[in-house]
Amino acid sequence: IVGRIKGVDRPALASALPSFGGPNDSFVFMDLGANAENKPSHLYQ
């Protein structure tokens, strides 16, 4: 309905999770369930 951006094969669900070490307070974690199965190119994107 909203629509996929041209050039993106598989939109993904991403969230910021807390990081308890390293230089930053949080990190991006994706995909969180938008696509149960992925091709290597999807993970690359």
All heavy atoms as atom14 arrays in JSON, in Angstrom:
{
  "sequence": "IVGRIKGVDRPALASALPSFGGPNDSFVFMDLGANAENKPSHLYQ",
  "atom14_mask": [
    [1, 1, 1, 1, 1, 1, 1, 1, 0, 0, 0, 0, 0, 0],
    [1, 1, 1, 1, 1, 1, 1, 0, 0, 0, 0, 0, 0, 0],
    [1, 1, 1, 1, 0, 0, 0, 0, 0, 0, 0, 0, 0, 0],
    [1, 1, 1, 1, 1, 1, 1, 1, 1, 1, 1, 0, 0, 0],
    [1, 1, 1, 1, 1, 1, 1, 1, 0, 0, 0, 0, 0, 0],
    [1, 1, 1, 1, 1, 1, 1, 1, 1, 0, 0, 0, 0, 0],
    [1, 1, 1, 1, 0, 0, 0, 0, 0, 0, 0, 0, 0, 0],
    [1, 1, 1, 1, 1, 1, 1, 0, 0, 0, 0, 0, 0, 0],
    [1, 1, 1, 1, 1, 1, 1, 1, 0, 0, 0, 0, 0, 0],
    [1, 1, 1, 1, 1, 1, 1, 1, 1, 1, 1, 0, 0, 0],
    [1, 1, 1, 1, 1, 1, 1, 0, 0, 0, 0, 0, 0, 0],
    [1, 1, 1, 1, 1, 0, 0, 0, 0, 0, 0, 0, 0, 0],
    [1, 1, 1, 1, 1, 1, 1, 1, 0, 0, 0, 0, 0, 0],
    [1, 1, 1, 1, 1, 0, 0, 0, 0, 0, 0, 0, 0, 0],
    [1, 1, 1, 1, 1, 1, 0, 0, 0, 0, 0, 0, 0, 0],
    [1, 1, 1, 1, 1, 0, 0, 0, 0, 0, 0, 0, 0, 0],
    [1, 1, 1, 1, 1, 1, 1, 1, 0, 0, 0, 0, 0, 0],
    [1, 1, 1, 1, 1, 1, 1, 0, 0, 0, 0, 0, 0, 0],
    [1, 1, 1, 1, 1, 1, 0, 0, 0, 0, 0, 0, 0, 0],
    [1, 1, 1, 1, 1, 1, 1, 1, 1, 1, 1, 0, 0, 0],
    [1, 1, 1, 1, 0, 0, 0, 0, 0, 0, 0, 0, 0, 0],
    [1, 1, 1, 1, 0, 0, 0, 0, 0, 0, 0, 0, 0, 0],
    [1, 1, 1, 1, 1, 1, 1, 0, 0, 0, 0, 0, 0, 0],
    [1, 1, 1, 1, 1, 1, 1, 1, 0, 0, 0, 0, 0, 0],
    [1, 1, 1, 1, 1, 1, 1, 1, 0, 0, 0, 0, 0, 0],
    [1, 1, 1, 1, 1, 1, 0, 0, 0, 0, 0, 0, 0, 0],
    [1, 1, 1, 1, 1, 1, 1, 1, 1, 1, 1, 0, 0, 0],
    [1, 1, 1, 1, 1, 1, 1, 0, 0, 0, 0, 0, 0, 0],
    [1, 1, 1, 1, 1, 1, 1, 1, 1, 1, 1, 0, 0, 0],
    [1, 1, 1, 1, 1, 1, 1, 1, 0, 0, 0, 0, 0, 0],
    [1, 1, 1, 1, 1, 1, 1, 1, 0, 0, 0, 0, 0, 0],
    [1, 1, 1, 1, 1, 1, 1, 1, 0, 0, 0, 0, 0, 0],
    [1, 1, 1, 1, 0, 0, 0, 0, 0, 0, 0, 0, 0, 0],
    [1, 1, 1, 1, 1, 0, 0, 0, 0, 0, 0, 0, 0, 0],
    [1, 1, 1, 1, 1, 1, 1, 1, 0, 0, 0, 0, 0, 0],
    [1, 1, 1, 1, 1, 0, 0, 0, 0, 0, 0, 0, 0, 0],
    [1, 1, 1, 1, 1, 1, 1, 1, 1, 0, 0, 0, 0, 0],
    [1, 1, 1, 1, 1, 1, 1, 1, 0, 0, 0, 0, 0, 0],
    [1, 1, 1, 1, 1, 1, 1, 1, 1, 0, 0, 0, 0, 0],
    [1, 1, 1, 1, 1, 1, 1, 0, 0, 0, 0, 0, 0, 0],
    [1, 1, 1, 1, 1, 1, 0, 0, 0, 0, 0, 0, 0, 0],
    [1, 1, 1, 1, 1, 1, 1, 1, 1, 1, 0, 0, 0, 0],
    [1, 1, 1, 1, 1, 1, 1, 1, 0, 0, 0, 0, 0, 0],
    [1, 1, 1, 1, 1, 1, 1, 1, 1, 1, 1, 1, 0, 0],
    [1, 1, 1, 1, 1, 1, 1, 1, 1, 0, 0, 0, 0, 0]
  ],
  "atom14_positions": [
    [[0.83, -1.2, 0.0], [0.0, 0.0, 0.0], [0.87, 1.25, 0.0], [0.81, 2.07, -0.92], [-0.98, 0.01, 1.2], [-1.94, -1.18, 1.12], [-1.78, 1.32, 1.21], [-2.89, -1.3, 2.3], [0.0, 0.0, 0.0], [0.0, 0.0, 0.0], [0.0, 0.0, 0.0], [0.0, 0.0, 0.0], [0.0, 0.0, 0.0], [0.0, 0.0, 0.0]],
    [[1.7, 1.42, 1.02], [2.6, 2.58, 1.07], [3.56, 2.54, -0.11], [3.8, 3.54, -0.78], [3.37, 2.63, 2.4], [4.38, 3.78, 2.4], [2.4, 2.78, 3.58], [0.0, 0.0, 0.0], [0.0, 0.0, 0.0], [0.0, 0.0, 0.0], [0.0, 0.0, 0.0], [0.0, 0.0, 0.0], [0.0, 0.0, 0.0], [0.0, 0.0, 0.0]],
    [[4.11, 1.35, -0.4], [4.93, 1.17, -1.59], [6.41, 1.04, -1.3], [6.95, 1.66, -0.39], [0.0, 0.0, 0.0], [0.0, 0.0, 0.0], [0.0, 0.0, 0.0], [0.0, 0.0, 0.0], [0.0, 0.0, 0.0], [0.0, 0.0, 0.0], [0.0, 0.0, 0.0], [0.0, 0.0, 0.0], [0.0, 0.0, 0.0], [0.0, 0.0, 0.0]],
    [[7.07, 0.22, -2.09], [8.5, -0.05, -1.96], [9.3, 0.97, -2.77], [8.93, 1.33, -3.87], [8.77, -1.47, -2.45], [10.2, -1.92, -2.43], [10.28, -3.42, -2.73], [9.56, -3.79, -3.94], [10.11, -3.79, -5.16], [11.37, -3.45, -5.32], [9.4, -4.15, -6.21], [0.0, 0.0, 0.0], [0.0, 0.0, 0.0], [0.0, 0.0, 0.0]],
    [[10.41, 1.43, -2.21], [11.31, 2.32, -2.94], [11.96, 1.55, -4.08], [12.44, 0.43, -3.89], [12.4, 2.88, -1.99], [11.76, 3.8, -0.94], [13.45, 3.66, -2.78], [12.75, 4.27, 0.13], [0.0, 0.0, 0.0], [0.0, 0.0, 0.0], [0.0, 0.0, 0.0], [0.0, 0.0, 0.0], [0.0, 0.0, 0.0], [0.0, 0.0, 0.0]],
    [[11.98, 2.13, -5.26], [12.59, 1.48, -6.41], [14.06, 1.2, -6.15], [14.81, 2.08, -5.73], [12.43, 2.36, -7.65], [12.92, 1.71, -8.93], [12.69, 2.61, -10.14], [13.18, 1.96, -11.41], [12.98, 2.83, -12.61], [0.0, 0.0, 0.0], [0.0, 0.0, 0.0], [0.0, 0.0, 0.0], [0.0, 0.0, 0.0], [0.0, 0.0, 0.0]],
    [[14.46, -0.03, -6.4], [15.84, -0.42, -6.17], [16.04, -1.28, -4.95], [17.08, -1.91, -4.79], [0.0, 0.0, 0.0], [0.0, 0.0, 0.0], [0.0, 0.0, 0.0], [0.0, 0.0, 0.0], [0.0, 0.0, 0.0], [0.0, 0.0, 0.0], [0.0, 0.0, 0.0], [0.0, 0.0, 0.0], [0.0, 0.0, 0.0], [0.0, 0.0, 0.0]],
    [[15.04, -1.3, -4.06], [15.1, -2.14, -2.86], [14.34, -3.43, -3.13], [13.13, -3.41, -3.37], [14.49, -1.43, -1.63], [14.47, -2.35, -0.43], [15.28, -0.16, -1.32], [0.0, 0.0, 0.0], [0.0, 0.0, 0.0], [0.0, 0.0, 0.0], [0.0, 0.0, 0.0], [0.0, 0.0, 0.0], [0.0, 0.0, 0.0], [0.0, 0.0, 0.0]],
    [[15.03, -4.56, -3.11], [14.39, -5.84, -3.39], [13.45, -6.27, -2.26], [12.34, -6.73, -2.5], [15.45, -6.93, -3.6], [16.25, -6.73, -4.88], [15.74, -6.04, -5.77], [17.36, -7.26, -4.97], [0.0, 0.0, 0.0], [0.0, 0.0, 0.0], [0.0, 0.0, 0.0], [0.0, 0.0, 0.0], [0.0, 0.0, 0.0], [0.0, 0.0, 0.0]],
    [[13.92, -6.14, -1.02], [13.13, -6.57, 0.15], [13.23, -5.54, 1.27], [14.28, -5.44, 1.92], [13.67, -7.91, 0.67], [13.44, -9.11, -0.25], [12.04, -9.66, -0.13], [11.89, -10.86, -0.93], [12.08, -12.1, -0.48], [12.46, -12.29, 0.78], [11.92, -13.14, -1.27], [0.0, 0.0, 0.0], [0.0, 0.0, 0.0], [0.0, 0.0, 0.0]],
    [[12.2, -4.74, 1.51], [12.22, -3.89, 2.71], [12.41, -4.75, 3.95], [11.99, -5.91, 3.99], [10.83, -3.23, 2.68], [10.47, -3.21, 1.22], [11.0, -4.52, 0.68], [0.0, 0.0, 0.0], [0.0, 0.0, 0.0], [0.0, 0.0, 0.0], [0.0, 0.0, 0.0], [0.0, 0.0, 0.0], [0.0, 0.0, 0.0], [0.0, 0.0, 0.0]],
    [[13.03, -4.19, 4.96], [13.35, -4.94, 6.17], [12.92, -4.19, 7.41], [12.78, -2.96, 7.4], [14.85, -5.24, 6.23], [0.0, 0.0, 0.0], [0.0, 0.0, 0.0], [0.0, 0.0, 0.0], [0.0, 0.0, 0.0], [0.0, 0.0, 0.0], [0.0, 0.0, 0.0], [0.0, 0.0, 0.0], [0.0, 0.0, 0.0], [0.0, 0.0, 0.0]],
    [[12.72, -4.94, 8.49], [12.34, -4.37, 9.77], [13.6, -4.18, 10.6], [14.34, -5.14, 10.85], [11.37, -5.32, 10.47], [10.48, -4.77, 11.59], [9.61, -3.63, 11.08], [9.6, -5.89, 12.14], [0.0, 0.0, 0.0], [0.0, 0.0, 0.0], [0.0, 0.0, 0.0], [0.0, 0.0, 0.0], [0.0, 0.0, 0.0], [0.0, 0.0, 0.0]],
    [[13.87, -2.94, 11.0], [15.1, -2.62, 11.73], [14.77, -1.91, 13.03], [13.81, -1.15, 13.12], [16.0, -1.73, 10.88], [0.0, 0.0, 0.0], [0.0, 0.0, 0.0], [0.0, 0.0, 0.0], [0.0, 0.0, 0.0], [0.0, 0.0, 0.0], [0.0, 0.0, 0.0], [0.0, 0.0, 0.0], [0.0, 0.0, 0.0], [0.0, 0.0, 0.0]],
    [[15.59, -2.17, 14.05], [15.4, -1.52, 15.33], [16.76, -1.21, 15.95], [17.76, -1.86, 15.65], [14.6, -2.42, 16.28], [14.32, -1.75, 17.5], [0.0, 0.0, 0.0], [0.0, 0.0, 0.0], [0.0, 0.0, 0.0], [0.0, 0.0, 0.0], [0.0, 0.0, 0.0], [0.0, 0.0, 0.0], [0.0, 0.0, 0.0], [0.0, 0.0, 0.0]],
    [[16.79, -0.2, 16.8], [18.01, 0.12, 17.55], [17.97, -0.62, 18.88], [17.0, -0.49, 19.64], [18.11, 1.63, 17.78], [0.0, 0.0, 0.0], [0.0, 0.0, 0.0], [0.0, 0.0, 0.0], [0.0, 0.0, 0.0], [0.0, 0.0, 0.0], [0.0, 0.0, 0.0], [0.0, 0.0, 0.0], [0.0, 0.0, 0.0], [0.0, 0.0, 0.0]],
    [[18.99, -1.4, 19.16], [19.11, -2.13, 20.42], [20.26, -1.55, 21.24], [21.2, -0.99, 20.68], [19.36, -3.62, 20.16], [18.27, -4.42, 19.45], [18.63, -5.91, 19.46], [16.91, -4.2, 20.08], [0.0, 0.0, 0.0], [0.0, 0.0, 0.0], [0.0, 0.0, 0.0], [0.0, 0.0, 0.0], [0.0, 0.0, 0.0], [0.0, 0.0, 0.0]],
    [[20.2, -1.69, 22.57], [21.26, -1.13, 23.41], [22.59, -1.86, 23.22], [22.63, -3.06, 23.02], [20.72, -1.31, 24.83], [19.76, -2.44, 24.73], [19.13, -2.31, 23.38], [0.0, 0.0, 0.0], [0.0, 0.0, 0.0], [0.0, 0.0, 0.0], [0.0, 0.0, 0.0], [0.0, 0.0, 0.0], [0.0, 0.0, 0.0], [0.0, 0.0, 0.0]],
    [[23.66, -1.09, 23.28], [25.01, -1.64, 23.2], [25.71, -1.39, 24.54], [25.75, -0.26, 25.02], [25.79, -0.96, 22.07], [27.12, -1.4, 22.02], [0.0, 0.0, 0.0], [0.0, 0.0, 0.0], [0.0, 0.0, 0.0], [0.0, 0.0, 0.0], [0.0, 0.0, 0.0], [0.0, 0.0, 0.0], [0.0, 0.0, 0.0], [0.0, 0.0, 0.0]],
    [[26.23, -2.44, 25.15], [26.83, -2.32, 26.47], [28.36, -2.33, 26.41], [29.04, -2.66, 27.37], [26.33, -3.46, 27.37], [24.86, -3.39, 27.62], [23.97, -4.17, 26.87], [24.34, -2.53, 28.55], [22.6, -4.1, 27.07], [22.96, -2.45, 28.77], [22.09, -3.24, 28.03], [0.0, 0.0, 0.0], [0.0, 0.0, 0.0], [0.0, 0.0, 0.0]],
    [[28.9, -1.94, 25.29], [30.34, -1.84, 25.11], [30.59, -1.14, 23.79], [29.68, -0.85, 23.02], [0.0, 0.0, 0.0], [0.0, 0.0, 0.0], [0.0, 0.0, 0.0], [0.0, 0.0, 0.0], [0.0, 0.0, 0.0], [0.0, 0.0, 0.0], [0.0, 0.0, 0.0], [0.0, 0.0, 0.0], [0.0, 0.0, 0.0], [0.0, 0.0, 0.0]],
    [[31.84, -0.83, 23.5], [32.13, -0.16, 22.25], [31.88, 1.33, 22.32], [31.52, 1.88, 23.36], [0.0, 0.0, 0.0], [0.0, 0.0, 0.0], [0.0, 0.0, 0.0], [0.0, 0.0, 0.0], [0.0, 0.0, 0.0], [0.0, 0.0, 0.0], [0.0, 0.0, 0.0], [0.0, 0.0, 0.0], [0.0, 0.0, 0.0], [0.0, 0.0, 0.0]],
    [[32.02, 2.02, 21.2], [31.97, 3.48, 21.19], [30.57, 4.09, 21.18], [30.42, 5.29, 21.42], [32.71, 3.83, 19.9], [32.44, 2.66, 19.0], [32.41, 1.46, 19.9], [0.0, 0.0, 0.0], [0.0, 0.0, 0.0], [0.0, 0.0, 0.0], [0.0, 0.0, 0.0], [0.0, 0.0, 0.0], [0.0, 0.0, 0.0], [0.0, 0.0, 0.0]],
    [[29.51, 3.29, 20.9], [28.16, 3.85, 20.77], [27.18, 3.19, 21.73], [27.4, 2.07, 22.19], [27.67, 3.67, 19.32], [28.6, 4.35, 18.32], [28.79, 5.57, 18.37], [29.19, 3.58, 17.42], [0.0, 0.0, 0.0], [0.0, 0.0, 0.0], [0.0, 0.0, 0.0], [0.0, 0.0, 0.0], [0.0, 0.0, 0.0], [0.0, 0.0, 0.0]],
    [[26.08, 3.92, 22.03], [25.1, 3.44, 23.01], [24.15, 2.4, 22.43], [23.49, 1.68, 23.18], [24.28, 4.62, 23.55], [25.13, 5.59, 24.36], [26.14, 5.15, 24.92], [24.77, 6.79, 24.4], [0.0, 0.0, 0.0], [0.0, 0.0, 0.0], [0.0, 0.0, 0.0], [0.0, 0.0, 0.0], [0.0, 0.0, 0.0], [0.0, 0.0, 0.0]],
    [[24.04, 2.36, 21.11], [23.09, 1.43, 20.5], [23.58, 1.02, 19.12], [24.51, 1.61, 18.56], [21.7, 2.07, 20.4], [21.75, 3.27, 19.67], [0.0, 0.0, 0.0], [0.0, 0.0, 0.0], [0.0, 0.0, 0.0], [0.0, 0.0, 0.0], [0.0, 0.0, 0.0], [0.0, 0.0, 0.0], [0.0, 0.0, 0.0], [0.0, 0.0, 0.0]],
    [[22.93, -0.01, 18.57], [23.26, -0.48, 17.23], [21.99, -0.84, 16.48], [20.93, -1.06, 17.09], [24.21, -1.69, 17.3], [23.57, -2.95, 17.86], [23.05, -3.91, 17.01], [23.5, -3.16, 19.23], [22.46, -5.07, 17.51], [22.92, -4.31, 19.74], [22.4, -5.27, 18.88], [0.0, 0.0, 0.0], [0.0, 0.0, 0.0], [0.0, 0.0, 0.0]],
    [[22.08, -0.91, 15.15], [20.94, -1.26, 14.31], [20.93, -2.78, 14.11], [21.94, -3.37, 13.76], [21.04, -0.57, 12.93], [19.85, -0.99, 12.05], [21.08, 0.93, 13.09], [0.0, 0.0, 0.0], [0.0, 0.0, 0.0], [0.0, 0.0, 0.0], [0.0, 0.0, 0.0], [0.0, 0.0, 0.0], [0.0, 0.0, 0.0], [0.0, 0.0, 0.0]],
    [[19.76, -3.38, 14.33], [19.59, -4.83, 14.15], [18.49, -5.05, 13.12], [17.38, -4.56, 13.27], [19.23, -5.47, 15.48], [19.26, -6.98, 15.48], [20.04, -7.69, 14.6], [18.5, -7.69, 16.41], [20.08, -9.08, 14.62], [18.52, -9.08, 16.45], [19.32, -9.78, 15.55], [0.0, 0.0, 0.0], [0.0, 0.0, 0.0], [0.0, 0.0, 0.0]],
    [[18.79, -5.78, 12.04], [17.83, -6.03, 10.97], [18.25, -7.28, 10.19], [19.43, -7.63, 10.19], [17.74, -4.83, 10.03], [19.05, -4.52, 9.3], [19.02, -3.0, 8.34], [17.88, -3.39, 7.04], [0.0, 0.0, 0.0], [0.0, 0.0, 0.0], [0.0, 0.0, 0.0], [0.0, 0.0, 0.0], [0.0, 0.0, 0.0], [0.0, 0.0, 0.0]],
    [[17.31, -8.02, 9.67], [15.88, -7.92, 9.6], [15.28, -8.62, 10.82], [15.73, -9.68, 11.21], [15.41, -8.55, 8.28], [13.92, -8.61, 8.11], [13.2, -7.79, 8.7], [13.45, -9.49, 7.38], [0.0, 0.0, 0.0], [0.0, 0.0, 0.0], [0.0, 0.0, 0.0], [0.0, 0.0, 0.0], [0.0, 0.0, 0.0], [0.0, 0.0, 0.0]],
    [[14.2, -8.05, 11.38], [13.59, -8.59, 12.59], [12.31, -9.37, 12.3], [11.52, -9.59, 13.2], [13.3, -7.45, 13.57], [14.53, -6.64, 13.99], [14.13, -5.55, 14.97], [15.59, -7.55, 14.59], [0.0, 0.0, 0.0], [0.0, 0.0, 0.0], [0.0, 0.0, 0.0], [0.0, 0.0, 0.0], [0.0, 0.0, 0.0], [0.0, 0.0, 0.0]],
    [[12.11, -9.79, 11.06], [10.96, -10.62, 10.76], [10.16, -10.23, 9.54], [9.11, -10.82, 9.27], [0.0, 0.0, 0.0], [0.0, 0.0, 0.0], [0.0, 0.0, 0.0], [0.0, 0.0, 0.0], [0.0, 0.0, 0.0], [0.0, 0.0, 0.0], [0.0, 0.0, 0.0], [0.0, 0.0, 0.0], [0.0, 0.0, 0.0], [0.0, 0.0, 0.0]],
    [[10.63, -9.24, 8.79], [9.89, -8.88, 7.58], [9.94, -9.99, 6.54], [8.99, -10.21, 5.8], [10.47, -7.59, 6.98], [0.0, 0.0, 0.0], [0.0, 0.0, 0.0], [0.0, 0.0, 0.0], [0.0, 0.0, 0.0], [0.0, 0.0, 0.0], [0.0, 0.0, 0.0], [0.0, 0.0, 0.0], [0.0, 0.0, 0.0], [0.0, 0.0, 0.0]],
    [[11.07, -10.71, 6.5], [11.27, -11.78, 5.52], [11.83, -13.01, 6.22], [12.98, -12.98, 6.68], [12.23, -11.32, 4.43], [11.83, -9.98, 3.81], [10.93, -9.92, 3.0], [12.5, -8.92, 4.23], [0.0, 0.0, 0.0], [0.0, 0.0, 0.0], [0.0, 0.0, 0.0], [0.0, 0.0, 0.0], [0.0, 0.0, 0.0], [0.0, 0.0, 0.0]],
    [[11.05, -14.07, 6.28], [11.51, -15.27, 6.97], [12.67, -15.93, 6.24], [13.55, -16.54, 6.86], [10.36, -16.27, 7.12], [0.0, 0.0, 0.0], [0.0, 0.0, 0.0], [0.0, 0.0, 0.0], [0.0, 0.0, 0.0], [0.0, 0.0, 0.0], [0.0, 0.0, 0.0], [0.0, 0.0, 0.0], [0.0, 0.0, 0.0], [0.0, 0.0, 0.0]],
    [[12.68, -15.83, 4.92], [13.76, -16.4, 4.12], [14.4, -15.3, 3.28], [13.71, -14.44, 2.76], [13.23, -17.51, 3.22], [12.65, -18.7, 3.98], [12.15, -19.79, 3.05], [12.27, -19.6, 1.83], [11.66, -20.81, 3.56], [0.0, 0.0, 0.0], [0.0, 0.0, 0.0], [0.0, 0.0, 0.0], [0.0, 0.0, 0.0], [0.0, 0.0, 0.0]],
    [[15.71, -15.36, 3.16], [16.42, -14.34, 2.4], [17.45, -14.96, 1.46], [18.01, -16.0, 1.75], [17.15, -13.38, 3.35], [16.2, -12.52, 4.15], [16.06, -12.72, 5.35], [15.56, -11.58, 3.5], [0.0, 0.0, 0.0], [0.0, 0.0, 0.0], [0.0, 0.0, 0.0], [0.0, 0.0, 0.0], [0.0, 0.0, 0.0], [0.0, 0.0, 0.0]],
    [[17.71, -14.26, 0.36], [18.81, -14.6, -0.53], [20.05, -13.83, -0.05], [19.93, -12.83, 0.66], [18.47, -14.19, -1.96], [17.31, -14.96, -2.58], [17.04, -14.46, -4.0], [15.88, -15.21, -4.64], [15.61, -14.72, -6.01], [0.0, 0.0, 0.0], [0.0, 0.0, 0.0], [0.0, 0.0, 0.0], [0.0, 0.0, 0.0], [0.0, 0.0, 0.0]],
    [[21.23, -14.27, -0.46], [22.44, -13.53, -0.1], [22.38, -12.05, -0.49], [22.83, -11.18, 0.27], [23.54, -14.26, -0.88], [23.04, -15.66, -1.01], [21.55, -15.52, -1.19], [0.0, 0.0, 0.0], [0.0, 0.0, 0.0], [0.0, 0.0, 0.0], [0.0, 0.0, 0.0], [0.0, 0.0, 0.0], [0.0, 0.0, 0.0], [0.0, 0.0, 0.0]],
    [[21.81, -11.76, -1.67], [21.73, -10.37, -2.11], [20.85, -9.52, -1.2], [21.09, -8.32, -1.03], [21.21, -10.29, -3.55], [19.93, -10.87, -3.66], [0.0, 0.0, 0.0], [0.0, 0.0, 0.0], [0.0, 0.0, 0.0], [0.0, 0.0, 0.0], [0.0, 0.0, 0.0], [0.0, 0.0, 0.0], [0.0, 0.0, 0.0], [0.0, 0.0, 0.0]],
    [[19.82, -10.14, -0.58], [18.98, -9.4, 0.35], [19.77, -9.01, 1.59], [19.68, -7.86, 2.07], [17.76, -10.24, 0.77], [16.89, -10.64, -0.36], [16.12, -11.78, -0.34], [16.66, -10.06, -1.58], [15.45, -11.88, -1.49], [15.77, -10.85, -2.25], [0.0, 0.0, 0.0], [0.0, 0.0, 0.0], [0.0, 0.0, 0.0], [0.0, 0.0, 0.0]],
    [[20.55, -9.95, 2.14], [21.36, -9.67, 3.31], [22.39, -8.59, 2.99], [22.68, -7.72, 3.82], [22.04, -10.94, 3.8], [21.1, -12.07, 4.24], [21.88, -13.32, 4.61], [20.23, -11.64, 5.41], [0.0, 0.0, 0.0], [0.0, 0.0, 0.0], [0.0, 0.0, 0.0], [0.0, 0.0, 0.0], [0.0, 0.0, 0.0], [0.0, 0.0, 0.0]],
    [[22.93, -8.65, 1.8], [23.88, -7.64, 1.34], [23.22, -6.26, 1.31], [23.79, -5.26, 1.77], [24.4, -8.04, -0.04], [25.24, -6.99, -0.74], [26.58, -6.82, -0.41], [24.68, -6.2, -1.75], [27.35, -5.87, -1.06], [25.45, -5.25, -2.4], [26.79, -5.09, -2.06], [27.53, -4.15, -2.7], [0.0, 0.0, 0.0], [0.0, 0.0, 0.0]],
    [[21.99, -6.19, 0.78], [21.28, -4.91, 0.74], [20.97, -4.41, 2.15], [21.01, -3.2, 2.4], [19.97, -5.05, -0.05], [20.16, -5.09, -1.55], [18.86, -4.84, -2.31], [17.81, -4.62, -1.72], [18.93, -4.89, -3.62], [0.0, 0.0, 0.0], [0.0, 0.0, 0.0], [0.0, 0.0, 0.0], [0.0, 0.0, 0.0], [0.0, 0.0, 0.0]]
  ]
}
